[in-house]
Protein backbone atom coordinates (compact mmCIF):
# COMPACT_ATOMS: atom_id res chain seq x y z
CA MET A 1 42.10 152.83 281.75
CA ALA A 2 45.14 150.51 281.51
CA ARG A 3 47.60 151.06 278.68
CA ILE A 4 49.70 148.36 277.01
CA SER A 5 52.57 148.54 274.54
CA GLY A 6 52.58 146.92 271.13
CA GLY A 7 55.58 144.79 272.08
CA ARG A 8 53.71 143.40 275.08
CA LEU A 9 50.66 142.69 272.89
CA VAL A 10 52.81 140.61 270.50
CA ALA A 11 53.99 138.54 273.47
CA LYS A 12 50.51 138.15 274.94
CA ALA A 13 49.14 136.97 271.59
CA LEU A 14 51.95 134.41 271.27
CA LYS A 15 51.36 133.19 274.81
CA ALA A 16 47.69 132.65 273.98
CA GLU A 17 48.89 130.31 271.22
CA GLY A 18 50.85 128.26 273.74
CA VAL A 19 54.27 129.43 272.51
CA LYS A 20 57.07 128.46 274.94
CA TYR A 21 60.17 129.39 272.95
CA VAL A 22 61.03 132.01 270.37
CA PHE A 23 64.20 131.53 268.31
CA SER A 24 65.83 134.85 267.66
CA ILE A 25 68.76 137.23 267.21
CA PRO A 26 68.31 140.63 268.88
CA GLY A 27 68.09 143.98 267.15
CA GLY A 28 66.88 147.47 267.89
CA HIS A 29 63.71 147.12 265.85
CA ILE A 30 62.48 144.16 267.95
CA SER A 31 63.71 145.14 271.43
CA PRO A 32 60.18 146.14 272.57
CA ILE A 33 58.99 142.63 271.62
CA TYR A 34 61.88 141.12 273.61
CA GLU A 35 60.72 143.04 276.67
CA GLY A 36 57.19 141.78 276.18
CA LEU A 37 58.34 138.17 275.79
CA MET A 38 60.33 138.35 279.01
CA ASP A 39 57.39 139.87 280.87
CA GLU A 40 55.10 137.09 279.60
CA GLY A 41 57.55 134.29 280.51
CA ILE A 42 58.30 133.17 276.95
CA GLU A 43 61.93 132.04 276.68
CA ILE A 44 64.08 133.60 273.99
CA ILE A 45 66.63 131.21 272.47
CA GLY A 46 69.39 133.47 271.24
CA MET A 47 70.79 132.02 268.01
CA ARG A 48 73.96 133.00 266.11
CA HIS A 49 72.38 133.53 262.68
CA GLU A 50 68.87 134.32 261.51
CA GLN A 51 68.88 131.34 259.17
CA GLY A 52 69.56 129.16 262.21
CA ALA A 53 66.66 130.82 264.04
CA GLY A 54 64.31 129.91 261.20
CA ASN A 55 65.66 126.36 260.99
CA ALA A 56 65.28 125.89 264.75
CA ALA A 57 61.66 127.02 264.55
CA ASP A 58 61.23 124.54 261.70
CA GLY A 59 62.75 121.79 263.87
CA TRP A 60 60.27 122.54 266.64
CA ALA A 61 57.38 122.53 264.15
CA ARG A 62 58.37 119.22 262.59
CA VAL A 63 58.62 117.22 265.80
CA THR A 64 55.59 118.76 267.53
CA ARG A 65 53.32 119.39 264.52
CA THR A 66 52.63 122.82 266.03
CA PRO A 67 53.91 126.24 264.91
CA GLY A 68 57.53 127.14 265.58
CA VAL A 69 58.21 130.83 266.08
CA CYS A 70 61.26 132.87 265.10
CA LEU A 71 61.89 136.57 265.58
CA VAL A 72 64.42 138.63 263.60
CA THR A 73 65.23 142.28 263.21
CA ALA A 74 64.62 144.44 260.16
CA GLY A 75 66.66 144.61 256.96
CA PRO A 76 69.60 142.17 257.04
CA GLY A 77 67.93 140.13 259.77
CA LEU A 78 65.05 139.29 257.45
CA ALA A 79 67.41 138.82 254.49
CA ASN A 80 69.34 136.19 256.44
CA LEU A 81 66.12 134.41 257.36
CA LEU A 82 64.87 133.92 253.79
CA PRO A 83 66.52 130.53 253.08
CA ALA A 84 64.93 129.03 256.19
CA LEU A 85 61.50 130.25 255.09
CA ILE A 86 61.94 128.74 251.64
CA GLN A 87 62.91 125.46 253.28
CA ALA A 88 59.86 125.52 255.56
CA GLN A 89 57.61 126.22 252.58
CA SER A 90 59.04 123.24 250.72
CA ALA A 91 58.44 120.98 253.74
CA GLY A 92 54.98 122.33 254.57
CA SER A 93 56.26 123.30 258.00
CA PRO A 94 54.18 125.83 260.01
CA VAL A 95 56.85 128.40 260.91
CA VAL A 96 55.58 131.76 262.16
CA ALA A 97 58.27 134.32 261.37
CA ILE A 98 58.04 137.72 263.03
CA THR A 99 60.29 140.54 261.89
CA GLY A 100 60.94 144.09 262.90
CA HIS A 101 60.50 146.91 260.44
CA THR A 102 61.56 150.52 260.08
CA PRO A 103 59.17 152.99 261.76
CA PHE A 104 55.95 153.30 259.81
CA VAL A 105 56.21 157.10 259.83
CA PHE A 106 59.53 156.82 257.94
CA SER A 107 58.21 154.53 255.21
CA ASP A 108 59.79 155.20 251.81
CA LYS A 109 62.25 157.68 253.27
CA GLU A 110 65.35 155.47 253.00
CA ALA A 111 65.24 154.75 256.72
CA PHE A 112 67.94 152.69 258.42
CA GLN A 113 67.61 148.98 257.51
CA GLU A 114 64.53 149.72 255.42
CA ILE A 115 63.41 146.73 253.35
CA ASP A 116 60.12 145.68 251.76
CA SER A 117 59.47 142.78 254.13
CA VAL A 118 56.15 141.76 252.64
CA GLY A 119 57.19 142.20 249.01
CA ILE A 120 60.33 140.11 249.42
CA THR A 121 58.74 137.25 251.34
CA ALA A 122 55.29 137.03 249.73
CA PRO A 123 56.42 134.66 246.93
CA ILE A 124 58.05 132.21 249.37
CA VAL A 125 55.54 132.00 252.24
CA LYS A 126 51.83 131.25 252.52
CA TRP A 127 50.95 134.67 253.88
CA ALA A 128 52.83 137.91 254.56
CA ARG A 129 51.56 141.13 256.16
CA LEU A 130 52.69 144.27 257.96
CA CYS A 131 50.70 145.46 260.98
CA ALA A 132 50.89 149.23 261.53
CA PHE A 133 48.38 149.71 264.37
CA PRO A 134 49.06 148.47 267.91
CA HIS A 135 45.45 147.69 268.80
CA ARG A 136 45.30 145.26 265.82
CA ILE A 137 48.41 143.28 266.81
CA PRO A 138 46.54 140.29 268.37
CA GLU A 139 44.30 140.11 265.31
CA TYR A 140 47.31 139.94 262.98
CA VAL A 141 49.09 137.33 265.11
CA GLN A 142 45.95 135.21 264.99
CA MET A 143 45.77 135.63 261.21
CA ALA A 144 49.36 134.47 260.97
CA PHE A 145 48.69 131.29 262.95
CA ARG A 146 45.45 130.65 261.05
CA HIS A 147 47.22 130.76 257.69
CA ALA A 148 50.18 128.68 258.91
CA MET A 149 47.84 125.90 260.11
CA SER A 150 45.14 125.88 257.43
CA GLY A 151 45.04 123.77 254.27
CA ARG A 152 48.57 122.68 253.43
CA TRP A 153 50.58 124.02 256.34
CA GLY A 154 53.50 126.34 255.76
CA PRO A 155 55.47 129.40 256.90
CA VAL A 156 54.06 132.91 257.30
CA LEU A 157 55.68 136.32 257.80
CA LEU A 158 54.42 139.11 260.05
CA ALA A 159 56.26 142.44 260.18
CA PHE A 160 55.89 145.06 262.93
CA PRO A 161 57.26 148.61 262.49
CA LEU A 162 59.28 149.91 265.40
CA ASP A 163 56.81 152.71 266.19
CA THR A 164 53.95 150.19 266.23
CA VAL A 165 55.53 148.02 268.94
CA CYS A 166 56.64 151.10 270.92
CA MET A 167 53.22 152.77 270.95
CA GLU A 168 50.62 152.04 273.59
CA CYS A 169 46.90 151.55 273.31
CA ASP A 170 44.00 150.99 275.68
CA GLU A 171 44.14 147.36 276.78
CA GLU A 172 40.36 147.21 276.73
CA ARG A 173 40.38 147.89 272.98
CA VAL A 174 42.04 144.57 272.19
CA ALA A 175 40.78 141.02 272.49
CA ILE A 176 43.18 138.08 272.62
CA LEU A 177 41.19 134.96 271.82
CA PRO A 178 42.17 131.32 272.37
CA PRO A 179 42.88 129.44 269.11
CA GLU A 180 39.59 127.53 269.10
CA ARG A 181 37.69 130.84 269.02
CA TYR A 182 39.17 132.16 265.78
CA ARG A 183 40.22 129.24 263.60
CA ALA A 184 38.55 125.97 262.57
CA THR A 185 40.32 122.82 263.72
CA SER A 186 37.95 120.16 262.38
CA PRO A 187 39.34 117.95 259.56
CA VAL A 188 38.23 118.22 255.94
CA TYR A 189 36.64 114.99 254.69
CA GLY A 190 36.74 113.77 251.11
CA ASP A 191 33.91 113.29 248.64
CA PRO A 192 32.23 110.05 249.82
CA VAL A 193 31.44 108.98 246.24
CA LEU A 194 35.10 109.22 245.24
CA VAL A 195 36.16 107.49 248.46
CA LYS A 196 33.98 104.48 247.62
CA LYS A 197 35.32 104.36 244.05
CA ALA A 198 38.88 104.46 245.36
CA VAL A 199 38.23 101.66 247.83
CA GLN A 200 36.67 99.49 245.12
CA MET A 201 39.68 100.08 242.88
CA LEU A 202 42.02 99.01 245.69
CA ILE A 203 39.97 95.90 246.47
CA GLU A 204 39.98 94.81 242.82
CA ALA A 205 43.69 95.53 242.35
CA GLU A 206 46.14 92.65 242.08
CA ARG A 207 49.21 94.65 243.06
CA PRO A 208 48.17 97.75 245.05
CA LEU A 209 50.79 99.97 246.67
CA MET A 210 50.32 102.81 249.13
CA ILE A 211 52.82 105.70 249.05
CA ILE A 212 52.69 108.01 252.05
CA GLY A 213 54.30 111.44 252.09
CA SER A 214 54.73 114.38 254.43
CA GLY A 215 51.02 115.23 254.23
CA ALA A 216 50.20 112.00 256.04
CA TYR A 217 52.56 112.97 258.85
CA TRP A 218 51.35 116.54 259.20
CA SER A 219 47.74 115.34 259.44
CA GLY A 220 48.62 112.73 262.08
CA ALA A 221 47.37 109.89 259.88
CA TRP A 222 49.76 107.15 261.00
CA ASN A 223 47.15 104.97 262.74
CA GLU A 224 44.88 105.19 259.73
CA VAL A 225 47.75 104.32 257.36
CA VAL A 226 48.51 101.12 259.26
CA GLN A 227 44.87 100.15 259.77
CA LEU A 228 43.94 100.58 256.09
CA ALA A 229 47.07 98.79 254.91
CA GLU A 230 46.39 95.85 257.21
CA PHE A 231 42.71 95.67 256.33
CA LEU A 232 43.25 95.73 252.55
CA LYS A 233 46.64 93.94 252.62
CA ILE A 234 48.51 96.75 250.85
CA PRO A 235 52.30 97.20 250.98
CA VAL A 236 53.34 100.70 252.04
CA ALA A 237 56.28 102.79 250.80
CA TYR A 238 57.11 106.24 252.08
CA THR A 239 58.83 109.44 251.13
CA GLU A 240 60.10 112.42 253.13
CA MET A 241 58.26 112.74 256.46
CA GLY A 242 56.05 109.79 255.65
CA MET A 243 58.91 107.76 257.15
CA GLY A 244 57.73 106.32 260.44
CA CYS A 245 54.01 106.72 259.72
CA ILE A 246 54.25 102.97 259.35
CA PRO A 247 57.11 101.46 261.38
CA ASP A 248 59.98 100.24 259.21
CA GLU A 249 59.79 96.82 260.85
CA HIS A 250 56.08 96.41 260.06
CA PRO A 251 55.62 93.46 257.67
CA LEU A 252 53.74 95.65 255.17
CA CYS A 253 56.40 98.39 255.07
CA VAL A 254 58.59 98.20 251.97
CA GLY A 255 60.82 101.22 252.70
CA ASN A 256 61.57 104.43 250.86
CA VAL A 257 59.81 104.86 247.54
CA ILE A 258 62.86 106.35 245.78
CA GLY A 259 64.43 103.63 243.66
CA ASN A 260 61.99 101.06 245.01
CA PRO A 261 61.52 98.19 242.50
CA LEU A 262 57.92 97.64 243.63
CA THR A 263 56.63 100.91 242.18
CA SER A 264 57.16 99.69 238.62
CA ARG A 265 55.11 96.55 239.32
CA ALA A 266 52.11 98.07 241.09
CA ASP A 267 48.84 98.23 239.16
CA VAL A 268 47.12 100.68 241.56
CA ILE A 269 48.90 103.31 243.65
CA LEU A 270 47.26 105.11 246.56
CA ALA A 271 49.33 108.29 247.06
CA VAL A 272 48.57 109.95 250.39
CA GLY A 273 49.94 113.42 251.16
CA VAL A 274 52.50 113.05 248.37
CA VAL A 275 53.72 115.79 246.05
CA PHE A 276 54.82 114.24 242.77
CA GLY A 277 58.01 116.16 242.09
CA GLU A 278 60.91 115.31 239.79
CA LEU A 279 61.98 112.20 241.72
CA LEU A 280 58.42 110.87 242.03
CA GLY A 281 56.45 112.12 239.09
CA PHE A 282 58.00 113.43 235.90
CA GLY A 283 61.17 112.54 234.09
CA THR A 284 61.21 109.14 235.82
CA GLU A 285 57.84 107.66 234.93
CA GLU A 286 59.13 105.23 232.30
CA ARG A 287 61.42 103.59 234.84
CA MET A 288 59.44 104.09 238.00
CA TYR A 289 55.83 103.22 237.16
CA ALA A 290 54.01 100.68 235.03
CA ARG A 291 52.53 102.28 231.91
CA ASP A 292 48.98 101.31 232.84
CA VAL A 293 49.18 102.03 236.59
CA LYS A 294 46.10 103.63 238.11
CA VAL A 295 46.68 106.42 240.62
CA ILE A 296 44.50 107.53 243.52
CA HIS A 297 45.80 110.82 244.90
CA VAL A 298 44.72 112.15 248.32
CA ASP A 299 45.82 115.56 249.57
CA ILE A 300 44.52 118.55 251.49
CA ASP A 301 45.87 120.88 248.79
CA PRO A 302 43.83 120.77 245.56
CA THR A 303 46.69 122.35 243.60
CA VAL A 304 48.95 119.30 244.00
CA VAL A 305 46.38 116.60 243.21
CA GLY A 306 47.12 115.46 239.68
CA LYS A 307 50.15 117.72 239.43
CA ASN A 308 53.07 116.34 237.35
CA ARG A 309 51.42 113.02 236.54
CA PRO A 310 47.92 111.90 235.52
CA ILE A 311 45.56 110.48 238.13
CA ASP A 312 42.48 108.30 237.98
CA ILE A 313 40.83 109.47 241.20
CA GLY A 314 41.66 112.69 243.04
CA ILE A 315 40.33 113.19 246.56
CA ILE A 316 40.66 116.57 248.27
CA GLY A 317 40.75 116.26 252.03
CA ASP A 318 42.78 115.82 255.17
CA PRO A 319 44.69 112.52 254.81
CA LYS A 320 43.74 111.33 258.29
CA ALA A 321 40.06 112.02 257.65
CA VAL A 322 40.04 110.53 254.14
CA LEU A 323 41.83 107.34 255.20
CA SER A 324 39.32 106.88 258.02
CA GLN A 325 36.55 107.22 255.40
CA MET A 326 38.25 104.66 253.19
CA LEU A 327 38.58 102.21 256.07
CA GLU A 328 34.89 102.58 256.90
CA ALA A 329 33.89 102.13 253.25
CA ALA A 330 36.10 99.04 252.95
CA ARG A 331 34.45 97.51 256.01
CA GLU A 332 31.02 98.06 254.46
CA VAL A 333 32.09 96.08 251.39
CA LEU A 334 34.28 93.37 252.95
CA GLY A 335 32.90 92.99 256.45
CA PRO A 336 35.03 93.11 259.60
CA GLU A 337 37.89 90.85 258.41
CA GLY A 338 39.01 92.67 255.28
CA VAL A 339 41.06 91.18 252.45
CA LYS A 340 42.20 87.73 253.55
CA GLU A 341 45.15 87.15 251.27
CA ARG A 342 47.17 88.64 248.41
CA ASN A 343 50.06 86.87 246.70
CA TRP A 344 51.43 90.33 246.03
CA ILE A 345 52.22 90.70 249.74
CA ASN A 346 54.70 87.85 249.56
CA VAL A 347 56.31 89.34 246.45
CA ALA A 348 56.65 92.73 248.17
CA SER A 349 57.97 91.21 251.38
CA ASN A 350 60.55 89.06 249.61
CA THR A 351 61.70 92.01 247.49
CA ARG A 352 62.16 94.12 250.60
CA LYS A 353 64.05 91.32 252.39
CA ALA A 354 66.38 90.83 249.44
CA LEU A 355 67.23 94.54 249.32
CA VAL A 356 67.79 94.73 253.07
CA SER A 357 69.93 91.59 253.02
CA ALA A 358 72.16 93.02 250.30
CA PHE A 359 72.63 96.30 252.15
CA GLU A 360 73.25 94.57 255.48
CA ALA A 361 76.05 92.53 253.94
CA GLN A 362 77.77 95.76 252.88
CA ALA A 363 77.50 97.08 256.43
CA GLU A 364 79.65 94.24 257.77
CA ASP A 365 82.77 95.75 256.23
CA THR A 366 85.13 96.70 259.08
CA SER A 367 87.97 98.00 256.91
CA LYS A 368 89.49 101.47 257.06
CA PRO A 369 88.63 104.12 256.08
CA ILE A 370 85.24 103.61 257.67
CA LYS A 371 82.48 102.69 255.26
CA PRO A 372 79.33 104.84 255.57
CA GLN A 373 77.28 101.63 255.53
CA LYS A 374 79.06 100.45 258.68
CA LEU A 375 78.66 103.83 260.36
CA MET A 376 74.92 103.93 259.75
CA LYS A 377 74.44 100.41 261.06
CA GLU A 378 76.30 101.33 264.24
CA ILE A 379 74.20 104.48 264.68
CA ARG A 380 71.04 102.43 264.17
CA GLU A 381 71.64 100.55 267.40
CA PHE A 382 71.16 103.80 269.34
CA LEU A 383 67.81 104.66 267.76
CA THR A 384 65.07 103.66 270.18
CA LYS A 385 61.58 105.01 270.73
CA ASP A 386 63.23 107.65 272.91
CA THR A 387 65.43 109.11 270.18
CA ILE A 388 65.04 111.55 267.29
CA ALA A 389 67.40 111.74 264.33
CA ILE A 390 67.68 114.82 262.10
CA LEU A 391 69.35 114.11 258.74
CA ASP A 392 71.31 116.80 256.92
CA GLY A 393 73.35 116.37 253.76
CA GLY A 394 73.35 114.70 250.34
CA ASP A 395 75.01 111.30 250.48
CA THR A 396 74.71 111.35 254.27
CA THR A 397 70.93 111.44 254.09
CA VAL A 398 70.81 108.72 251.43
CA TRP A 399 72.95 106.35 253.52
CA ALA A 400 70.82 107.14 256.56
CA TYR A 401 67.55 106.40 254.74
CA ILE A 402 68.96 103.05 253.62
CA TYR A 403 70.12 101.85 257.02
CA LEU A 404 68.17 103.64 259.72
CA ARG A 405 64.79 102.35 260.84
CA ALA A 406 61.96 104.54 262.10
CA LYS A 407 59.87 103.10 264.89
CA ALA A 408 57.48 106.04 265.14
CA PRO A 409 56.31 109.05 263.10
CA GLY A 410 58.59 112.07 263.26
CA GLN A 411 61.47 110.02 264.65
CA ILE A 412 63.75 110.30 261.60
CA ILE A 413 63.50 113.62 259.81
CA GLY A 414 65.25 114.41 256.56
CA SER A 415 65.71 118.16 256.80
CA GLN A 416 65.99 118.86 253.07
CA ALA A 417 62.50 118.06 251.73
CA ASN A 418 62.15 118.46 247.96
CA LEU A 419 64.26 121.62 248.06
CA GLY A 420 67.51 119.75 248.72
CA TYR A 421 68.39 122.33 251.38
CA LEU A 422 71.65 121.86 253.31
CA GLY A 423 72.74 123.12 256.72
CA ALA A 424 69.52 122.95 258.75
CA GLY A 425 70.58 119.98 260.86
CA VAL A 426 72.17 121.58 263.94
CA PRO A 427 69.53 124.31 264.49
CA MET A 428 66.72 121.87 263.75
CA GLY A 429 68.24 119.56 266.35
CA ILE A 430 68.14 122.42 268.86
CA GLY A 431 64.44 122.98 268.18
CA ALA A 432 63.72 119.25 268.39
CA LYS A 433 65.57 118.83 271.70
CA LEU A 434 63.74 121.77 273.30
CA ALA A 435 60.45 120.21 272.18
CA HIS A 436 61.43 116.80 273.59
CA PRO A 437 63.97 117.30 276.38
CA ASP A 438 63.42 113.71 277.52
CA LYS A 439 64.66 112.28 274.21
CA THR A 440 68.16 111.88 272.81
CA VAL A 441 68.45 113.98 269.65
CA PHE A 442 70.99 113.01 267.01
CA VAL A 443 71.96 115.26 264.12
CA ILE A 444 73.51 113.13 261.37
CA THR A 445 75.15 115.51 258.94
CA GLY A 446 77.71 115.70 256.19
CA ASP A 447 80.86 117.74 256.75
CA GLY A 448 79.83 120.21 254.06
CA SER A 449 76.35 120.68 255.52
CA PHE A 450 77.66 121.00 259.07
CA LEU A 451 79.57 124.24 258.58
CA PHE A 452 76.60 126.12 257.17
CA ASN A 453 75.20 126.48 260.69
CA GLY A 454 77.68 124.56 262.84
CA VAL A 455 78.28 127.69 264.88
CA GLU A 456 74.85 127.11 266.44
CA LEU A 457 76.63 124.59 268.66
CA GLU A 458 77.55 127.66 270.70
CA THR A 459 73.81 128.30 271.05
CA ALA A 460 73.33 124.72 272.23
CA ALA A 461 76.19 125.07 274.74
CA ARG A 462 75.00 128.44 276.05
CA HIS A 463 71.43 127.22 276.56
CA GLU A 464 72.56 123.75 277.74
CA ILE A 465 70.81 121.84 274.94
CA PRO A 466 72.68 118.50 274.65
CA ILE A 467 72.29 117.40 271.02
CA ILE A 468 74.62 114.75 269.57
CA VAL A 469 76.04 115.73 266.16
CA ILE A 470 77.58 112.92 264.11
CA ILE A 471 79.53 114.24 261.13
CA VAL A 472 79.80 111.82 258.21
CA ASN A 473 83.07 113.29 257.01
CA ASP A 474 84.27 112.44 253.52
CA SER A 475 86.07 115.79 253.11
CA ALA A 476 83.93 116.57 250.08
CA TRP A 477 80.64 117.72 248.69
CA GLY A 478 80.20 113.99 248.32
CA MET A 479 77.03 113.65 246.26
CA VAL A 480 78.24 116.09 243.60
CA TYR A 481 81.75 114.61 243.58
CA HIS A 482 80.45 111.07 243.11
CA GLN A 483 78.01 112.06 240.39
CA ASN A 484 80.81 113.82 238.55
CA VAL A 485 83.06 110.78 238.89
CA LEU A 486 80.36 108.53 237.48
CA THR A 487 79.51 110.94 234.67
CA TRP A 488 82.98 112.13 233.62
CA LYS A 489 85.01 109.01 234.51
CA ASP A 490 87.75 111.36 235.75
CA LYS A 491 88.40 111.84 239.48
CA ARG A 492 90.73 114.78 238.87
CA LYS A 493 88.06 116.78 237.08
CA ALA A 494 85.37 115.60 239.49
CA ALA A 495 87.37 116.92 242.45
CA VAL A 496 87.34 120.53 241.19
CA GLY A 497 85.24 122.54 243.62
CA THR A 498 83.94 119.41 245.36
CA ARG A 499 86.80 118.32 247.61
CA LEU A 500 87.11 119.89 251.08
CA GLY A 501 89.98 120.13 253.54
CA GLU A 502 90.97 116.87 255.21
CA LYS A 503 92.87 118.63 258.02
CA VAL A 504 89.81 120.35 259.46
CA ARG A 505 89.09 119.16 263.02
CA TYR A 506 85.39 119.54 263.64
CA ASP A 507 85.76 117.95 267.08
CA LYS A 508 88.21 120.69 268.09
CA PHE A 509 85.87 123.31 266.65
CA ALA A 510 83.12 121.92 268.89
CA GLU A 511 85.39 122.02 271.93
CA SER A 512 86.24 125.66 271.23
CA LEU A 513 82.52 126.47 271.44
CA GLY A 514 82.11 124.75 274.82
CA CYS A 515 80.96 121.34 273.55
CA TYR A 516 82.24 117.77 273.73
CA GLY A 517 84.28 116.69 270.69
CA GLU A 518 85.82 113.47 269.44
CA MET A 519 87.26 112.24 266.14
CA VAL A 520 86.80 108.61 265.02
CA THR A 521 88.83 106.85 262.33
CA ASP A 522 88.39 103.21 263.35
CA PRO A 523 85.02 101.44 262.97
CA SER A 524 85.44 99.73 266.33
CA GLU A 525 85.40 103.14 268.02
CA ILE A 526 82.07 104.37 266.62
CA LYS A 527 79.79 102.99 269.31
CA PRO A 528 82.09 103.81 272.25
CA ALA A 529 82.42 107.37 270.98
CA ILE A 530 78.64 107.80 270.72
CA LYS A 531 78.23 106.45 274.25
CA ARG A 532 80.82 108.87 275.59
CA ALA A 533 79.12 111.76 273.82
CA ILE A 534 75.74 110.89 275.35
CA GLU A 535 77.24 110.40 278.80
CA SER A 536 78.98 113.78 278.65
CA GLY A 537 75.60 115.50 279.02
CA MET A 538 76.89 118.24 276.71
CA PRO A 539 76.24 119.21 273.12
CA ALA A 540 78.65 116.96 271.27
CA VAL A 541 80.33 116.46 267.90
CA ILE A 542 81.68 113.14 266.71
CA ASP A 543 83.77 113.66 263.59
CA VAL A 544 83.73 110.29 261.78
CA ARG A 545 86.16 110.00 258.86
CA ILE A 546 84.62 107.82 256.15
CA ASP A 547 85.68 106.45 252.79
CA PRO A 548 85.39 109.36 250.32
CA GLU A 549 84.94 106.98 247.37
CA ALA A 550 81.84 105.17 248.70
CA ILE A 551 79.05 105.56 246.14
CA ASN A 552 75.37 104.91 246.83
CA LEU A 553 72.47 104.04 244.56
CA LEU A 554 71.10 107.59 244.36
CA ASP A 555 74.48 108.87 243.17
CA GLN A 556 74.25 106.35 240.36
CA TYR A 557 70.68 107.36 239.59
CA PHE A 558 71.53 111.06 239.35
CA ALA A 559 74.53 110.31 237.20
CA THR A 560 72.23 108.64 234.66
CA THR A 561 69.74 111.52 234.67
CA VAL A 562 72.40 113.97 233.56
CA ASP A 563 73.26 111.81 230.57
CA PRO A 564 72.81 114.13 227.54
CA ASN A 565 71.00 111.52 225.48
CA LEU A 566 68.42 110.98 228.24
CA TRP A 567 67.77 114.71 228.56
CA ARG A 568 67.48 115.12 224.79
CA LYS A 569 64.82 112.45 224.87
CA HIS A 570 62.80 114.23 227.55
CA TRP A 571 63.27 117.77 226.30
CA SER A 572 62.92 117.40 222.53
CA PHE A 573 59.64 118.78 221.25
């Protein structure tokens, strides 16, 4: 009877899931799994930090909408991974994290690198388990993927003790099933009664607005978003990974929902796959929404429907499935042509055009130092259907959201999600490029964010993964600096702890790691530098020095929210 090791079983179970790459840093506790992965033909992408490994798996997951896998060793390896798991949980990203563990027979004996893997990670992932028996390894891997891809997607943690992956068992005792044999893949439809009520509310509305969030992207609902919007003549705003689920150039798209003047005028809001957090739900309602607005909330996760703000209709279901139901119900009421006309559409369109026109005028400034508005407009010309842009940073991401235009879902990805996480850009770009080697992948990052995981450029060089990193360099933690300037009216005080070194040469840093590097200080050199970086065929860094005093609308918004009088108003009981 054939025998098989636990490490080989881990690899076989991953291969059955279609896993091509595992992002990892080696360690003694996971060496048997490495051997299994090599035997099964799964490529190991050797990263420089466990946080980067988790972020790269997240990058893969976000652009493919399939699980990304990372593998780290016990103890400090898992500890370094934790921030990436928290980030994936915030974004609803299906990251499958596998970690080594001290030998099961030494549990609670103060073994080398002993750590309570499950206890530490359980509060920050969807599911966490330790598998102690080799013949159950495929079963546990399948459980991990099932939990990562069910309901609201998210990260999971699976720990294997060293003795478990070293031991052998009879191969005939284990069964490695294809995904369709052990987990349901059919969508969850909403209550048809509530769907019809929601459709009637939208038909009768004078100023309806659809807000699409990350849940719409994860469910693959972009066709349904556009079809329903066109049929009912509803303007569409987006947040987070909802960007691109309706193309920015579509006449019904009104841009990012944050700070959007249309939200305060809408009488009915259809929120699809949206989590109403601080910026969308509480603390801002008096400025962001009309007092009598009616809200229809659609989400796969019942715990977020109605969370943080009251709703009028809550529909639990997969956004893609529910929107298809709504479209069918609307056709039953209105016939094949749908809503013929809404004056509200012209109001929304003109509002959007006025905002865009004002921003575009700012982007014509060719003075030095380079204005971030000008930089983003120049980058925009390189974003085609064959490109992906990962955004990383505070002000950097805000400027990018204002000026960049998504042509397709998953094309422009803000790495932070509601967590406000910094530093994921470079490793996420690595994951995205491996998933789509035929596309140009840009990482647009702030200088502060870049150095969190900038060393992963060495990973990109070693594995020949040509990502293009554009550093929006204001030599500061820009968002915090600007908010402090606006709040304190004192640049000297605002600079404490927020200003970074102006002499740092990130282009030279990139060159030292085996990448292409270039610094840009003149706006006329932005596009030529990007072209040279692409043509180099190497991982590249373009260090663009921008005006450190450029302040965007979100900086101004945050500065008002920290006003003591405003907070007293919200937090006085």
